[in-house]
N, C-alpha and C. Protein backbone atom coordinates (compact mmCIF):
# COMPACT_ATOMS: atom_id res chain seq x y z
N MET A 1 99.02 82.91 105.26
CA MET A 1 97.84 83.54 104.68
C MET A 1 97.26 84.49 105.71
N GLY A 2 96.70 85.60 105.25
CA GLY A 2 96.15 86.62 106.13
C GLY A 2 94.83 86.20 106.74
N GLU A 3 94.34 87.07 107.57
CA GLU A 3 93.09 86.85 108.28
C GLU A 3 91.90 86.98 107.33
N ALA A 4 90.91 86.13 107.52
CA ALA A 4 89.71 86.17 106.68
C ALA A 4 88.86 87.39 107.00
N GLY A 5 88.24 87.93 105.98
CA GLY A 5 87.32 89.04 106.13
C GLY A 5 86.35 89.07 104.97
N VAL A 6 85.40 89.97 105.03
CA VAL A 6 84.41 90.11 103.96
C VAL A 6 85.00 90.97 102.85
N HIS A 7 84.88 90.51 101.63
CA HIS A 7 85.32 91.25 100.44
C HIS A 7 84.20 91.21 99.41
N GLU A 8 84.16 92.24 98.60
CA GLU A 8 83.21 92.28 97.48
C GLU A 8 83.99 92.24 96.17
N VAL A 9 83.63 91.28 95.33
CA VAL A 9 84.12 91.22 93.97
C VAL A 9 82.98 91.77 93.12
N GLN A 10 83.14 92.99 92.63
CA GLN A 10 82.08 93.67 91.90
C GLN A 10 82.32 93.58 90.40
N VAL A 11 81.35 93.01 89.69
CA VAL A 11 81.42 92.88 88.23
C VAL A 11 80.61 94.03 87.64
N HIS A 12 81.30 95.00 87.06
CA HIS A 12 80.67 96.22 86.54
C HIS A 12 80.37 96.09 85.03
N GLY A 13 79.61 97.04 84.53
CA GLY A 13 79.35 97.15 83.11
C GLY A 13 78.13 96.42 82.61
N CYS A 14 77.29 95.93 83.50
CA CYS A 14 76.07 95.26 83.08
C CYS A 14 75.00 96.31 82.78
N THR A 15 74.24 96.07 81.73
CA THR A 15 73.22 97.04 81.33
C THR A 15 71.87 96.79 81.99
N SER A 16 71.72 95.62 82.63
CA SER A 16 70.44 95.30 83.28
C SER A 16 70.67 94.29 84.40
N THR A 17 69.66 94.16 85.24
CA THR A 17 69.69 93.16 86.30
C THR A 17 69.77 91.77 85.69
N ARG A 18 69.05 91.56 84.61
CA ARG A 18 69.06 90.25 83.94
C ARG A 18 70.47 89.89 83.47
N GLU A 19 71.16 90.87 82.88
CA GLU A 19 72.53 90.62 82.41
C GLU A 19 73.46 90.32 83.59
N ALA A 20 73.32 91.07 84.68
CA ALA A 20 74.16 90.83 85.86
C ALA A 20 73.89 89.43 86.42
N LEU A 21 72.63 89.06 86.52
CA LEU A 21 72.28 87.75 87.07
C LEU A 21 72.74 86.60 86.18
N ALA A 22 72.90 86.86 84.88
CA ALA A 22 73.37 85.82 83.97
C ALA A 22 74.79 85.37 84.33
N TRP A 23 75.55 86.24 84.99
CA TRP A 23 76.92 85.88 85.41
C TRP A 23 76.94 85.10 86.71
N GLN A 24 75.83 85.05 87.42
CA GLN A 24 75.80 84.43 88.73
C GLN A 24 76.19 82.95 88.69
N GLU A 25 75.58 82.17 87.81
CA GLU A 25 75.87 80.73 87.77
C GLU A 25 77.31 80.44 87.33
N PRO A 26 77.81 81.06 86.24
CA PRO A 26 79.21 80.78 85.87
C PRO A 26 80.20 81.17 86.98
N ILE A 27 79.94 82.26 87.67
CA ILE A 27 80.82 82.68 88.76
C ILE A 27 80.69 81.71 89.94
N ALA A 28 79.47 81.27 90.23
CA ALA A 28 79.27 80.29 91.30
C ALA A 28 80.06 79.02 91.02
N LEU A 29 80.07 78.57 89.79
CA LEU A 29 80.83 77.36 89.43
C LEU A 29 82.33 77.61 89.48
N LEU A 30 82.75 78.83 89.26
CA LEU A 30 84.16 79.18 89.41
C LEU A 30 84.56 79.11 90.89
N LEU A 31 83.70 79.61 91.76
CA LEU A 31 83.98 79.61 93.20
C LEU A 31 83.81 78.23 93.82
N CYS A 32 82.88 77.47 93.30
CA CYS A 32 82.55 76.17 93.87
C CYS A 32 82.29 75.18 92.73
N PRO A 33 83.38 74.62 92.14
CA PRO A 33 83.22 73.75 90.97
C PRO A 33 82.47 72.45 91.23
N GLU A 34 82.36 72.05 92.50
CA GLU A 34 81.63 70.83 92.86
C GLU A 34 80.49 71.19 93.81
N PRO A 35 79.37 71.68 93.26
CA PRO A 35 78.27 72.16 94.12
C PRO A 35 77.73 71.11 95.10
N GLU A 36 77.89 69.84 94.81
CA GLU A 36 77.35 68.79 95.67
C GLU A 36 78.36 68.29 96.70
N HIS A 37 79.43 69.06 96.96
CA HIS A 37 80.46 68.63 97.91
C HIS A 37 79.92 68.55 99.33
N ARG A 38 80.63 67.83 100.17
CA ARG A 38 80.28 67.75 101.59
C ARG A 38 80.83 68.96 102.31
N GLY A 39 80.12 69.37 103.33
CA GLY A 39 80.60 70.45 104.17
C GLY A 39 80.50 71.81 103.50
N PRO A 40 80.98 72.84 104.20
CA PRO A 40 80.88 74.20 103.68
C PRO A 40 81.86 74.43 102.52
N CYS A 41 81.56 75.43 101.71
CA CYS A 41 82.46 75.81 100.62
C CYS A 41 83.78 76.30 101.22
N GLU A 42 84.86 76.08 100.48
CA GLU A 42 86.17 76.55 100.92
C GLU A 42 86.14 78.07 101.12
N VAL A 43 85.50 78.77 100.19
CA VAL A 43 85.33 80.21 100.29
C VAL A 43 83.83 80.50 100.32
N PRO A 44 83.30 80.86 101.49
CA PRO A 44 81.88 81.19 101.57
C PRO A 44 81.57 82.40 100.67
N TRP A 45 80.42 82.36 100.00
CA TRP A 45 80.10 83.42 99.05
C TRP A 45 78.59 83.58 98.93
N THR A 46 78.22 84.72 98.40
CA THR A 46 76.83 85.01 98.05
C THR A 46 76.84 86.08 96.96
N CYS A 47 75.77 86.18 96.20
CA CYS A 47 75.68 87.17 95.12
C CYS A 47 74.46 88.05 95.31
N THR A 48 74.61 89.28 94.87
CA THR A 48 73.50 90.23 94.84
C THR A 48 73.74 91.19 93.68
N VAL A 49 72.72 91.92 93.32
CA VAL A 49 72.83 92.91 92.25
C VAL A 49 72.70 94.29 92.87
N ARG A 50 73.52 95.21 92.40
CA ARG A 50 73.50 96.58 92.92
C ARG A 50 73.40 97.56 91.76
N ASP A 51 72.51 98.55 91.91
CA ASP A 51 72.43 99.64 90.94
C ASP A 51 73.47 100.67 91.34
N THR A 52 74.38 100.98 90.44
CA THR A 52 75.48 101.91 90.75
C THR A 52 75.14 103.34 90.39
N GLY A 53 73.99 103.57 89.77
CA GLY A 53 73.65 104.90 89.30
C GLY A 53 74.06 105.11 87.85
N THR A 54 75.07 104.37 87.42
CA THR A 54 75.52 104.44 86.01
C THR A 54 75.39 103.09 85.34
N GLY A 55 74.79 102.14 86.01
CA GLY A 55 74.64 100.81 85.47
C GLY A 55 74.34 99.85 86.61
N VAL A 56 74.50 98.59 86.32
CA VAL A 56 74.22 97.54 87.28
C VAL A 56 75.49 96.72 87.46
N CYS A 57 75.74 96.29 88.68
CA CYS A 57 76.87 95.39 88.86
C CYS A 57 76.43 94.19 89.69
N LEU A 58 77.07 93.08 89.44
CA LEU A 58 76.88 91.89 90.24
C LEU A 58 77.90 91.95 91.36
N VAL A 59 77.45 91.84 92.58
CA VAL A 59 78.34 91.87 93.74
C VAL A 59 78.45 90.46 94.28
N VAL A 60 79.65 89.92 94.24
CA VAL A 60 79.92 88.61 94.80
C VAL A 60 80.64 88.85 96.12
N ALA A 61 79.94 88.64 97.21
CA ALA A 61 80.54 88.81 98.53
C ALA A 61 81.17 87.48 98.94
N ILE A 62 82.41 87.56 99.43
CA ILE A 62 83.12 86.36 99.86
C ILE A 62 83.74 86.62 101.23
N ILE A 63 84.04 85.55 101.91
CA ILE A 63 84.83 85.64 103.14
C ILE A 63 86.12 84.89 102.87
N ALA A 64 87.21 85.64 102.87
CA ALA A 64 88.52 85.08 102.53
C ALA A 64 89.60 86.05 102.98
N SER A 65 90.84 85.60 102.91
CA SER A 65 91.95 86.50 103.15
C SER A 65 92.06 87.46 101.97
N ALA A 66 92.78 88.54 102.15
CA ALA A 66 92.97 89.51 101.06
C ALA A 66 93.65 88.85 99.87
N GLU A 67 94.60 87.97 100.12
CA GLU A 67 95.31 87.29 99.03
C GLU A 67 94.38 86.40 98.21
N VAL A 68 93.54 85.64 98.89
CA VAL A 68 92.59 84.76 98.19
C VAL A 68 91.57 85.61 97.45
N ALA A 69 91.10 86.68 98.06
CA ALA A 69 90.12 87.57 97.40
C ALA A 69 90.71 88.15 96.11
N GLU A 70 91.98 88.56 96.14
CA GLU A 70 92.63 89.09 94.93
C GLU A 70 92.71 88.03 93.84
N ARG A 71 93.07 86.82 94.19
CA ARG A 71 93.13 85.73 93.19
C ARG A 71 91.76 85.45 92.60
N LEU A 72 90.73 85.41 93.44
CA LEU A 72 89.38 85.16 92.94
C LEU A 72 88.89 86.29 92.06
N ALA A 73 89.20 87.53 92.42
CA ALA A 73 88.80 88.67 91.58
C ALA A 73 89.45 88.56 90.20
N GLU A 74 90.70 88.16 90.15
CA GLU A 74 91.38 87.97 88.85
C GLU A 74 90.71 86.87 88.04
N ARG A 75 90.32 85.80 88.69
CA ARG A 75 89.65 84.71 87.98
C ARG A 75 88.28 85.16 87.45
N VAL A 76 87.56 85.94 88.24
CA VAL A 76 86.26 86.46 87.80
C VAL A 76 86.47 87.42 86.62
N ARG A 77 87.49 88.25 86.69
CA ARG A 77 87.82 89.18 85.59
C ARG A 77 88.12 88.37 84.32
N GLY A 78 88.89 87.31 84.44
CA GLY A 78 89.20 86.47 83.29
C GLY A 78 87.98 85.79 82.71
N LEU A 79 87.09 85.35 83.57
CA LEU A 79 85.86 84.68 83.12
C LEU A 79 84.92 85.64 82.41
N THR A 80 84.71 86.82 83.00
CA THR A 80 83.69 87.73 82.49
C THR A 80 84.21 88.70 81.43
N GLY A 81 85.50 89.02 81.47
CA GLY A 81 86.04 90.03 80.57
C GLY A 81 85.53 91.42 80.90
N ARG A 82 84.99 91.60 82.07
CA ARG A 82 84.41 92.86 82.51
C ARG A 82 85.34 93.57 83.48
N GLU A 83 85.00 94.84 83.75
CA GLU A 83 85.70 95.54 84.81
C GLU A 83 85.29 94.89 86.14
N VAL A 84 86.27 94.46 86.89
CA VAL A 84 86.02 93.84 88.19
C VAL A 84 86.76 94.64 89.24
N VAL A 85 86.03 95.06 90.25
CA VAL A 85 86.60 95.86 91.33
C VAL A 85 86.53 95.02 92.60
N LEU A 86 87.65 94.95 93.31
CA LEU A 86 87.69 94.26 94.59
C LEU A 86 87.74 95.31 95.68
N ARG A 87 86.84 95.20 96.65
CA ARG A 87 86.88 96.12 97.78
C ARG A 87 86.58 95.36 99.06
N ARG A 88 87.09 95.88 100.14
CA ARG A 88 86.80 95.30 101.45
C ARG A 88 85.32 95.57 101.75
N GLY A 89 84.60 94.56 102.13
CA GLY A 89 83.18 94.71 102.43
C GLY A 89 82.95 94.87 103.92
N ALA A 90 81.81 95.36 104.27
CA ALA A 90 81.43 95.50 105.67
C ALA A 90 80.55 94.32 106.05
N ALA A 91 80.87 93.71 107.18
CA ALA A 91 80.09 92.56 107.63
C ALA A 91 78.61 92.91 107.75
N ALA A 92 78.29 94.13 108.17
CA ALA A 92 76.90 94.55 108.32
C ALA A 92 76.15 94.57 107.00
N GLU A 93 76.85 94.74 105.88
CA GLU A 93 76.22 94.75 104.57
C GLU A 93 75.93 93.34 104.05
N HIS A 94 76.54 92.35 104.69
CA HIS A 94 76.41 90.96 104.22
C HIS A 94 76.12 90.04 105.40
N GLU A 95 75.08 90.39 106.14
CA GLU A 95 74.75 89.68 107.38
C GLU A 95 74.47 88.20 107.17
N VAL A 96 73.79 87.85 106.07
CA VAL A 96 73.46 86.45 105.82
C VAL A 96 74.73 85.64 105.59
N LEU A 97 75.66 86.18 104.83
CA LEU A 97 76.93 85.49 104.57
C LEU A 97 77.72 85.33 105.86
N VAL A 98 77.79 86.38 106.66
CA VAL A 98 78.54 86.32 107.92
C VAL A 98 77.90 85.32 108.88
N GLU A 99 76.58 85.31 108.93
CA GLU A 99 75.89 84.34 109.80
C GLU A 99 76.16 82.91 109.34
N GLN A 100 76.14 82.69 108.01
CA GLN A 100 76.45 81.37 107.46
C GLN A 100 77.86 80.96 107.89
N TYR A 101 78.81 81.87 107.80
CA TYR A 101 80.19 81.60 108.20
C TYR A 101 80.24 81.22 109.68
N ARG A 102 79.55 81.97 110.52
CA ARG A 102 79.57 81.70 111.97
C ARG A 102 78.98 80.34 112.29
N VAL A 103 77.89 79.99 111.62
CA VAL A 103 77.26 78.69 111.87
C VAL A 103 78.19 77.56 111.45
N GLU A 104 78.85 77.72 110.31
CA GLU A 104 79.70 76.65 109.78
C GLU A 104 81.09 76.59 110.41
N ARG A 105 81.62 77.76 110.84
CA ARG A 105 83.03 77.80 111.24
C ARG A 105 83.33 78.50 112.54
N GLY A 106 82.38 79.21 113.10
CA GLY A 106 82.66 80.00 114.30
C GLY A 106 82.76 81.47 113.97
N ASP A 107 83.16 82.26 114.93
CA ASP A 107 83.21 83.72 114.74
C ASP A 107 84.20 84.13 113.67
N LEU A 108 83.83 85.17 112.96
CA LEU A 108 84.70 85.78 111.96
C LEU A 108 85.74 86.63 112.69
N PRO A 109 87.03 86.45 112.36
CA PRO A 109 88.05 87.25 113.03
C PRO A 109 87.87 88.74 112.76
N GLY A 110 88.40 89.55 113.67
CA GLY A 110 88.45 91.00 113.48
C GLY A 110 87.13 91.62 113.55
């Protein structure tokens, strides 16, 4: 498996912030089916909403290898039926997620 890094799974096509946020819980359960588990999530994640200028998208930031990120993006696409774009994220854009990773696991590679 490749080196872990920050990725964004972007769920496009939402007409409002409310609609984008409605996907947050189902996607969270997809990423972490047992919310009461011990220890950190297998794939650290966080959600935010972004205005794209042509609509709203839910951005699910994760820390994972490229292979795991691609699999999760496909699962999110299957769940939502929406256009889902996977892109490499910048650690500086997701400081809280990166800090959570460092506290739970140590420094993020690369």
